[in-house]
Protein backbone atom coordinates (compact mmCIF):
# COMPACT_ATOMS: atom_id res chain seq x y z
CA UNK A 1 100.98 120.28 89.43
CA UNK A 2 102.07 120.00 85.82
CA UNK A 3 105.26 120.72 83.90
CA UNK A 4 103.45 123.64 82.24
CA UNK A 5 103.26 125.44 85.57
CA UNK A 6 106.92 124.71 86.23
CA UNK A 7 107.82 126.11 82.82
CA UNK A 8 105.82 129.26 83.47
CA UNK A 9 107.60 129.86 86.77
CA UNK A 10 111.00 129.48 85.06
CA UNK A 11 110.07 132.05 82.39
CA UNK A 12 108.68 134.50 84.97
CA UNK A 13 111.77 134.16 87.14
CA UNK A 14 113.97 134.73 84.07
CA UNK A 15 112.04 137.91 83.26
CA UNK A 16 112.39 139.11 86.83
CA UNK A 17 116.16 138.52 86.75
CA UNK A 18 116.55 139.76 83.13
CA UNK A 19 118.21 136.55 81.94
CA UNK A 20 117.27 134.07 79.19
CA UNK A 21 115.04 131.23 80.50
CA UNK A 22 117.63 128.73 79.26
CA UNK A 23 119.96 129.98 81.98
CA UNK A 24 117.54 128.75 84.64
CA UNK A 25 116.41 125.38 83.30
CA UNK A 26 118.55 123.62 85.92
CA UNK A 27 116.14 125.00 88.55
CA UNK A 28 113.21 122.97 87.18
CA UNK A 29 114.04 120.23 89.66
CA UNK A 30 112.87 122.56 92.44
CA UNK A 31 109.29 122.06 91.26
CA UNK A 32 106.59 124.68 90.67
CA UNK A 33 105.88 125.49 94.32
CA UNK A 34 109.45 126.38 95.26
CA UNK A 35 110.01 128.17 91.96
CA UNK A 36 106.86 130.23 92.55
CA UNK A 37 108.08 131.18 96.02
CA UNK A 38 111.53 132.09 94.67
CA UNK A 39 110.06 134.17 91.83
CA UNK A 40 107.75 136.05 94.22
CA UNK A 41 110.60 136.78 96.63
CA UNK A 42 112.82 138.09 93.85
CA UNK A 43 109.96 140.19 92.48
CA UNK A 44 109.30 141.68 95.91
CA UNK A 45 112.98 142.58 96.30
CA UNK A 46 113.04 144.35 92.93
CA UNK A 47 109.80 146.25 93.50
CA UNK A 48 110.88 147.19 97.03
CA UNK A 49 114.22 148.48 95.71
CA UNK A 50 112.36 150.79 93.32
CA UNK A 51 109.70 151.70 95.86
CA UNK A 52 110.87 155.26 96.47
CA UNK A 53 111.11 155.96 92.72
CA UNK A 54 107.58 154.70 92.22
CA UNK A 55 106.34 156.81 95.13
CA UNK A 56 107.85 159.93 93.59
CA UNK A 57 106.11 159.18 90.31
CA UNK A 58 102.88 158.59 92.19
CA UNK A 59 103.08 161.97 93.93
CA UNK A 60 103.26 163.73 90.55
CA UNK A 61 100.12 162.10 89.16
CA UNK A 62 97.57 164.58 90.64
CA UNK A 63 99.43 167.56 89.16
CA UNK A 64 99.95 166.42 85.57
CA UNK A 65 96.90 166.12 83.28
CA UNK A 66 96.72 162.62 81.83
CA UNK A 67 95.80 164.03 78.43
CA UNK A 68 99.25 165.66 78.41
CA UNK A 69 101.33 162.98 80.14
CA UNK A 70 100.04 159.82 78.47
CA UNK A 71 101.01 160.66 74.86
CA UNK A 72 104.41 161.81 76.14
CA UNK A 73 104.96 158.69 78.21
CA UNK A 74 104.14 156.42 75.29
CA UNK A 75 106.74 158.21 73.15
CA UNK A 76 109.67 158.45 75.56
CA UNK A 77 109.19 156.04 78.50
CA UNK A 78 110.12 152.38 77.90
CA UNK A 79 107.22 149.97 78.56
CA UNK A 80 109.33 148.20 81.19
CA UNK A 81 109.47 151.33 83.36
CA UNK A 82 105.81 152.16 82.85
CA UNK A 83 104.82 148.59 83.70
CA UNK A 84 106.88 148.50 86.88
CA UNK A 85 105.45 151.82 88.07
CA UNK A 86 101.87 150.98 87.11
CA UNK A 87 101.09 148.93 90.18
CA UNK A 88 102.19 151.51 92.72
CA UNK A 89 100.55 154.39 90.87
CA UNK A 90 97.33 152.47 90.32
CA UNK A 91 97.08 151.49 93.99
CA UNK A 92 97.52 155.14 95.08
CA UNK A 93 95.24 156.63 92.41
CA UNK A 94 92.64 154.06 91.32
CA UNK A 95 90.47 156.60 89.47
CA UNK A 96 93.48 157.90 87.56
CA UNK A 97 94.41 154.30 86.75
CA UNK A 98 91.04 153.80 85.09
CA UNK A 99 91.55 156.92 82.96
CA UNK A 100 95.12 155.90 82.16
CA UNK A 101 94.13 152.50 80.79
CA UNK A 102 91.56 154.18 78.56
CA UNK A 103 94.15 156.64 77.24
CA UNK A 104 96.95 154.14 76.66
CA UNK A 105 97.11 152.51 73.27
CA UNK A 106 96.42 148.78 73.36
CA UNK A 107 99.79 147.95 71.82
CA UNK A 108 101.79 150.02 74.31
CA UNK A 109 99.74 148.73 77.26
CA UNK A 110 100.38 145.18 76.07
CA UNK A 111 104.12 145.88 75.97
CA UNK A 112 103.90 147.03 79.61
CA UNK A 113 102.06 144.00 80.98
CA UNK A 114 105.06 141.63 81.39
CA UNK A 115 106.60 144.16 83.79
CA UNK A 116 103.54 144.86 85.97
CA UNK A 117 103.57 143.35 89.43
CA UNK A 118 100.83 140.65 89.19
CA UNK A 119 99.88 141.20 92.84
CA UNK A 120 98.54 144.66 91.95
CA UNK A 121 96.25 143.38 89.20
CA UNK A 122 93.36 142.94 91.63
CA UNK A 123 93.69 146.55 92.79
CA UNK A 124 93.85 147.86 89.23
CA UNK A 125 90.99 145.72 87.95
CA UNK A 126 88.66 146.87 90.72
CA UNK A 127 88.62 150.43 89.45
CA UNK A 128 89.27 149.95 85.75
CA UNK A 129 86.48 149.17 83.27
CA UNK A 130 87.08 145.59 82.15
CA UNK A 131 86.75 146.32 78.42
CA UNK A 132 90.20 147.93 77.98
CA UNK A 133 91.79 145.15 80.03
CA UNK A 134 90.10 142.51 77.88
CA UNK A 135 91.41 144.27 74.77
CA UNK A 136 94.92 144.03 76.19
CA UNK A 137 94.43 140.34 77.00
CA UNK A 138 93.20 139.72 73.46
CA UNK A 139 96.30 141.40 72.07
CA UNK A 140 98.58 139.32 74.32
CA UNK A 141 96.81 136.16 73.19
CA UNK A 142 97.11 137.26 69.57
CA UNK A 143 100.87 137.52 70.11
CA UNK A 144 100.90 134.03 71.60
CA UNK A 145 102.46 135.22 74.87
CA UNK A 146 100.35 132.92 77.02
CA UNK A 147 102.78 132.80 79.94
CA UNK A 148 102.29 136.54 80.49
CA UNK A 149 98.53 136.12 80.94
CA UNK A 150 98.76 133.12 83.28
CA UNK A 151 100.07 134.91 86.41
CA UNK A 152 97.50 137.69 86.05
CA UNK A 153 94.69 135.17 86.07
CA UNK A 154 95.84 134.21 89.57
CA UNK A 155 94.84 137.67 90.78
CA UNK A 156 91.94 138.43 88.45
CA UNK A 157 88.76 139.66 90.12
CA UNK A 158 85.40 137.96 89.49
CA UNK A 159 84.40 140.98 87.39
CA UNK A 160 87.45 140.59 85.16
CA UNK A 161 86.91 136.83 84.84
CA UNK A 162 83.32 137.45 83.77
CA UNK A 163 84.54 139.98 81.19
CA UNK A 164 87.13 137.51 79.87
CA UNK A 165 84.45 134.86 79.47
CA UNK A 166 82.55 137.15 77.13
CA UNK A 167 85.39 139.11 75.56
CA UNK A 168 88.40 136.80 75.18
CA UNK A 169 87.72 135.55 71.67
CA UNK A 170 90.67 133.19 71.17
CA UNK A 171 89.62 129.79 72.55
CA UNK A 172 93.03 128.19 72.08
CA UNK A 173 94.77 131.21 73.61
CA UNK A 174 92.48 131.19 76.65
CA UNK A 175 93.14 127.50 77.19
CA UNK A 176 96.92 127.94 76.95
CA UNK A 177 96.90 131.01 79.23
CA UNK A 178 94.74 129.35 81.90
CA UNK A 179 97.05 126.34 81.93
CA UNK A 180 99.93 128.65 82.88
CA UNK A 181 98.10 130.03 85.93
CA UNK A 182 99.83 128.88 89.11
CA UNK A 183 96.91 128.69 91.53
CA UNK A 184 94.45 125.76 91.31
CA UNK A 185 91.92 128.08 92.98
CA UNK A 186 92.25 130.54 90.10
CA UNK A 187 91.91 127.75 87.52
CA UNK A 188 88.76 126.55 89.27
CA UNK A 189 87.32 130.08 89.40
CA UNK A 190 87.85 130.51 85.66
CA UNK A 191 86.38 127.12 84.75
CA UNK A 192 83.42 127.71 87.07
CA UNK A 193 82.68 130.98 85.27
CA UNK A 194 83.03 129.32 81.88
CA UNK A 195 80.62 126.62 83.00
CA UNK A 196 77.96 128.84 84.53
CA UNK A 197 78.38 132.11 82.64
CA UNK A 198 76.00 133.33 79.95
CA UNK A 199 78.21 132.26 77.05
CA UNK A 200 78.37 128.59 78.18
CA UNK A 201 81.80 128.27 76.62
CA UNK A 202 82.96 124.95 78.05
CA UNK A 203 81.41 122.71 75.36
CA UNK A 204 83.09 124.83 72.69
CA UNK A 205 86.40 124.82 74.56
CA UNK A 206 86.24 121.04 75.02
CA UNK A 207 85.66 120.57 71.30
CA UNK A 208 88.64 122.84 70.66
CA UNK A 209 90.82 120.71 72.94
CA UNK A 210 89.72 117.45 71.33
CA UNK A 211 90.39 118.80 67.82
CA UNK A 212 93.59 120.60 68.80
CA UNK A 213 97.28 119.88 68.68
CA UNK A 214 98.98 117.69 71.30
CA UNK A 215 100.29 120.84 73.00
CA UNK A 216 96.77 122.26 73.24
CA UNK A 217 95.58 118.95 74.67
CA UNK A 218 98.39 119.08 77.21
CA UNK A 219 97.12 122.50 78.30
CA UNK A 220 93.52 121.28 78.42
CA UNK A 221 94.38 118.26 80.56
CA UNK A 222 96.42 120.47 82.87
CA UNK A 223 93.38 122.69 83.41
CA UNK A 224 90.96 119.80 83.88
CA UNK A 225 93.23 118.06 86.40
CA UNK A 226 93.64 121.13 88.60
CA UNK A 227 89.94 121.93 88.97
CA UNK A 228 87.95 121.15 92.08
CA UNK A 229 86.36 117.67 91.96
CA UNK A 230 82.81 118.87 91.27
CA UNK A 231 84.08 120.95 88.36
CA UNK A 232 85.97 117.96 86.98
CA UNK A 233 82.77 115.94 87.08
CA UNK A 234 80.89 118.69 85.23
CA UNK A 235 83.62 119.02 82.58
CA UNK A 236 83.74 115.23 82.28
CA UNK A 237 80.04 115.03 81.52
CA UNK A 238 80.53 117.59 78.75
CA UNK A 239 83.65 115.85 77.44
CA UNK A 240 81.81 112.57 76.96
CA UNK A 241 78.71 114.23 75.55
CA UNK A 242 80.53 116.14 72.81
CA UNK A 243 83.52 113.86 72.24
CA UNK A 244 83.32 110.77 70.06
CA UNK A 245 85.13 107.56 71.18
CA UNK A 246 87.86 108.10 68.53
CA UNK A 247 88.40 111.69 69.77
CA UNK A 248 88.66 110.52 73.39
CA UNK A 249 91.01 107.73 72.32
CA UNK A 250 93.18 110.26 70.53
CA UNK A 251 93.28 112.37 73.69
CA UNK A 252 94.47 109.35 75.68
CA UNK A 253 97.21 108.42 73.21
CA UNK A 254 98.38 112.02 72.99
CA UNK A 255 98.48 112.24 76.79
CA UNK A 256 100.88 109.29 76.76
CA UNK A 257 102.96 110.80 73.96
CA UNK A 258 103.37 114.23 75.61
CA UNK A 259 103.82 113.06 79.19
CA UNK A 260 100.40 114.12 80.49
CA UNK A 261 99.33 110.75 81.90
CA UNK A 262 99.36 112.08 85.52
CA UNK A 263 96.95 114.86 84.55
CA UNK A 264 94.76 112.42 82.64
CA UNK A 265 94.63 110.05 85.62
CA UNK A 266 93.87 112.84 88.09
CA UNK A 267 91.02 113.92 85.84
CA UNK A 268 89.81 110.32 85.43
CA UNK A 269 89.81 109.68 89.17
CA UNK A 270 87.27 112.44 89.73
CA UNK A 271 84.82 111.56 86.94
CA UNK A 272 81.26 110.49 87.64
CA UNK A 273 80.55 106.76 87.51
CA UNK A 274 78.89 107.11 84.12
CA UNK A 275 81.73 109.14 82.61
CA UNK A 276 84.32 106.80 84.14
CA UNK A 277 82.55 103.86 82.55
CA UNK A 278 82.67 105.53 79.16
CA UNK A 279 86.36 106.31 79.59
CA UNK A 280 87.24 102.76 80.63
CA UNK A 281 85.14 101.34 77.79
CA UNK A 282 87.01 103.29 75.11
CA UNK A 283 88.52 100.96 72.48
CA UNK A 284 91.91 102.66 72.90
CA UNK A 285 92.56 100.56 76.02
CA UNK A 286 92.33 97.44 73.89
CA UNK A 287 95.74 98.43 72.51
CA UNK A 288 98.25 96.59 74.69
CA UNK A 289 100.74 99.41 74.43
CA UNK A 290 98.36 101.99 75.91
CA UNK A 291 97.91 100.42 79.35
CA UNK A 292 101.57 99.37 79.35
CA UNK A 293 102.59 103.01 78.90
CA UNK A 294 100.20 104.16 81.62
CA UNK A 295 101.53 101.61 84.13
CA UNK A 296 105.12 102.47 83.22
CA UNK A 297 104.41 106.16 83.85
CA UNK A 298 103.35 105.34 87.43
CA UNK A 299 106.65 103.71 88.37
CA UNK A 300 108.05 105.64 91.31
CA UNK A 301 105.05 108.01 91.54
CA UNK A 302 103.45 108.43 94.97
CA UNK A 303 100.76 111.08 94.41
CA UNK A 304 97.39 109.67 95.59
CA UNK A 305 95.44 111.46 92.85
CA UNK A 306 97.35 109.62 90.13
CA UNK A 307 96.84 106.22 91.72
CA UNK A 308 93.19 106.89 92.48
CA UNK A 309 92.59 107.59 88.81
CA UNK A 310 94.57 104.55 87.72
CA UNK A 311 92.81 102.13 90.07
CA UNK A 312 89.39 103.55 89.15
CA UNK A 313 90.12 103.31 85.43
CA UNK A 314 91.65 99.83 85.49
CA UNK A 315 88.85 98.38 87.61
CA UNK A 316 86.21 99.47 85.07
CA UNK A 317 87.92 97.98 81.99
CA UNK A 318 87.06 94.56 80.57
CA UNK A 319 88.26 91.39 82.28
CA UNK A 320 90.85 90.81 79.58
CA UNK A 321 92.31 94.30 80.00
CA UNK A 322 92.24 93.95 83.79
CA UNK A 323 94.22 90.70 83.61
CA UNK A 324 96.73 92.34 81.31
CA UNK A 325 96.96 95.38 83.59
CA UNK A 326 97.56 93.42 86.80
CA UNK A 327 100.27 91.44 85.00
CA UNK A 328 101.92 94.75 84.08
CA UNK A 329 101.74 95.83 87.72
CA UNK A 330 103.39 92.58 88.80
CA UNK A 331 106.26 93.27 86.39
CA UNK A 332 107.10 96.60 87.99
CA UNK A 333 110.38 96.77 89.99
CA UNK A 334 110.25 95.08 93.38
CA UNK A 335 110.19 98.37 95.30
CA UNK A 336 107.12 99.54 93.35
CA UNK A 337 105.28 96.26 93.90
CA UNK A 338 106.04 96.34 97.63
CA UNK A 339 104.70 99.90 97.77
CA UNK A 340 101.40 99.07 96.04
CA UNK A 341 99.52 98.48 99.33
CA UNK A 342 100.63 101.93 100.52
CA UNK A 343 99.47 103.48 97.26
CA UNK A 344 96.11 101.71 97.68
CA UNK A 345 95.73 103.04 101.21
CA UNK A 346 96.58 106.63 100.33
CA UNK A 347 94.26 106.66 97.30
CA UNK A 348 91.38 104.66 98.81
CA UNK A 349 92.07 102.13 96.10
CA UNK A 350 92.03 98.85 98.05
CA UNK A 351 88.78 97.51 96.55
CA UNK A 352 90.01 98.17 93.01
CA UNK A 353 93.52 96.78 93.59
CA UNK A 354 92.20 93.59 95.19
CA UNK A 355 89.63 93.21 92.41
CA UNK A 356 92.43 93.33 89.84
CA UNK A 357 94.58 90.80 91.67
CA UNK A 358 91.62 88.48 92.28
CA UNK A 359 91.20 87.84 88.56
CA UNK A 360 94.93 87.37 87.92
CA UNK A 361 96.38 83.94 87.21
CA UNK A 362 98.11 82.08 90.10
CA UNK A 363 101.63 82.98 88.98
CA UNK A 364 100.82 86.71 89.07
CA UNK A 365 99.13 86.38 92.45
CA UNK A 366 102.17 84.51 93.76
CA UNK A 367 104.38 87.40 92.60
CA UNK A 368 102.40 89.82 94.76
CA UNK A 369 102.34 87.42 97.68
CA UNK A 370 106.11 86.90 97.53
CA UNK A 371 106.78 90.64 97.35
CA UNK A 372 104.38 91.44 100.18
CA UNK A 373 105.86 88.73 102.39
CA UNK A 374 108.65 91.26 103.04
CA UNK A 375 106.19 93.68 104.65
CA UNK A 376 106.16 94.13 108.41
CA UNK A 377 103.93 91.82 110.44
CA UNK A 378 101.50 94.64 111.13
CA UNK A 379 101.18 95.51 107.47
CA UNK A 380 100.67 91.89 106.54
CA UNK A 381 97.91 91.78 109.12
CA UNK A 382 96.45 94.89 107.50
CA UNK A 383 96.63 93.19 104.11
CA UNK A 384 94.79 90.20 105.51
CA UNK A 385 92.16 92.52 107.02
CA UNK A 386 91.48 94.18 103.65
CA UNK A 387 91.23 90.82 101.87
CA UNK A 388 88.78 89.54 104.47
CA UNK A 389 86.82 92.83 104.54
CA UNK A 390 86.19 92.55 100.80
CA UNK A 391 85.27 88.82 101.00
CA UNK A 392 88.16 87.73 98.80
CA UNK A 393 89.76 85.14 101.10
CA UNK A 394 89.16 82.24 98.74
CA UNK A 395 90.08 84.09 95.55
CA UNK A 396 93.27 85.53 97.04
CA UNK A 397 94.48 82.43 98.88
CA UNK A 398 97.72 82.57 96.88
CA UNK A 399 98.46 85.94 98.50
CA UNK A 400 97.77 84.88 102.07
CA UNK A 401 99.71 81.65 101.63
CA UNK A 402 102.76 83.41 100.20
CA UNK A 403 102.59 86.30 102.71
CA UNK A 404 101.70 84.63 106.03
CA UNK A 405 100.04 86.91 108.53
CA UNK A 406 99.39 87.02 112.23
CA UNK A 407 96.11 87.87 113.89
CA UNK A 408 95.27 91.34 115.08
CA UNK A 409 95.37 90.07 118.68
CA UNK A 410 98.90 88.75 118.16
CA UNK A 411 99.97 92.08 116.61
CA UNK A 412 98.73 93.87 119.73
CA UNK A 413 100.43 91.34 121.99
CA UNK A 414 103.80 91.67 120.29
CA UNK A 415 103.53 95.46 120.28
CA UNK A 416 102.80 95.58 124.02
CA UNK A 417 105.62 93.13 124.61
CA UNK A 418 108.04 95.35 122.70
CA UNK A 419 106.87 98.42 124.62
CA UNK A 420 107.42 96.67 127.96
CA UNK A 421 110.87 95.64 126.79
CA UNK A 422 111.69 99.29 126.07
CA UNK A 423 110.35 100.32 129.48
CA UNK A 424 107.28 102.12 128.16
CA UNK A 425 104.44 101.95 130.66
CA UNK A 426 100.73 102.12 129.93
CA UNK A 427 98.86 102.26 126.66
CA UNK A 428 99.48 105.08 124.22
CA UNK A 429 98.33 106.16 120.79
CA UNK A 430 100.61 103.55 119.26
CA UNK A 431 98.27 100.81 120.49
CA UNK A 432 95.46 101.96 118.25
CA UNK A 433 94.81 99.44 115.48
CA UNK A 434 95.21 100.74 111.93
CA UNK A 435 94.60 98.07 109.29
CA UNK A 436 97.27 99.74 107.20
């Protein structure tokens, strides 16, 4: 998950605690998942503390005509109080909630939104005509308060998402707001609607991303990377049908500049073969600094999605770029080089990694062999198995010579011997052969 989501959780937590976001920046190291859990717990505490007050307000609703109360509320009740009470009142009186939204001015309703419990949005949206809600969203986007919209998209109903597809006019605002949604499921639901809905907005949105600022491209890549794989493939086909090679190259260089390489690689790893070929064939990768920056960004990263995208991309580039890339991999710190086989296993990247090393010069191959000689006997046997499985024994002789292996039978023998030494009788799950 991206830094944008982390930032959104910090801002939401700051609003819940009524402190400036700068006071909480030290919590960013917790990551988006823990921050989201913390924010939700704090929000629940606050709403539970005011539960009795909200229930009293709710009991008065049937007795006070909305035509009388709404103008009065908008004049004397702060938006924060109205927003906090809105969820409880709307859940108890869904029909009244629909009338209330229609009677509230768009500006006042927009002021209330940051204080509404996002969990109640689904309840409210079920009974409220979507048009007034879309008007409020448009006003929030006009104000540039994208973080406020993001959490509500997590709980938006299909009806509301359909209405937003047709009624949210600000393309850039919709992209920014969707990027701040926490749930990948919600992001996928929105993109699916934008792909299949009557307005067919994705081509227009993709053009907006390609022509936009680096920050807008960061938001776009965040959205693309968090979609379900089939949606990524669909968006990728559109990206390469409407985007020129220079525009795609600019997206890649901006991703490096703004720290969005992980999102770009996650997106790349789920592209169709045709789209992946067009990505790898982009002239931008002819710039030596581009692949160097991408490899440097992977140092210390363990997420399989990132490595899957990297291996897939590198393996489809030209031979010259592949040789340069594998040399960059060999120059990573020792710990990263030793971990490369694990990254290949977790990302299903063995064929691509071995393909890269197979075209490397002997000195580079020897670097990998020397580093992998420190692996356990079983893992060296697994390495040998992968090399043999992909028919690369002759081309990767420098690896097998530098990192001597034992046969699978000998691995089993030594394992059983060790188990007998420890007094373990019989054969257990540990005797099952795993090539890595």
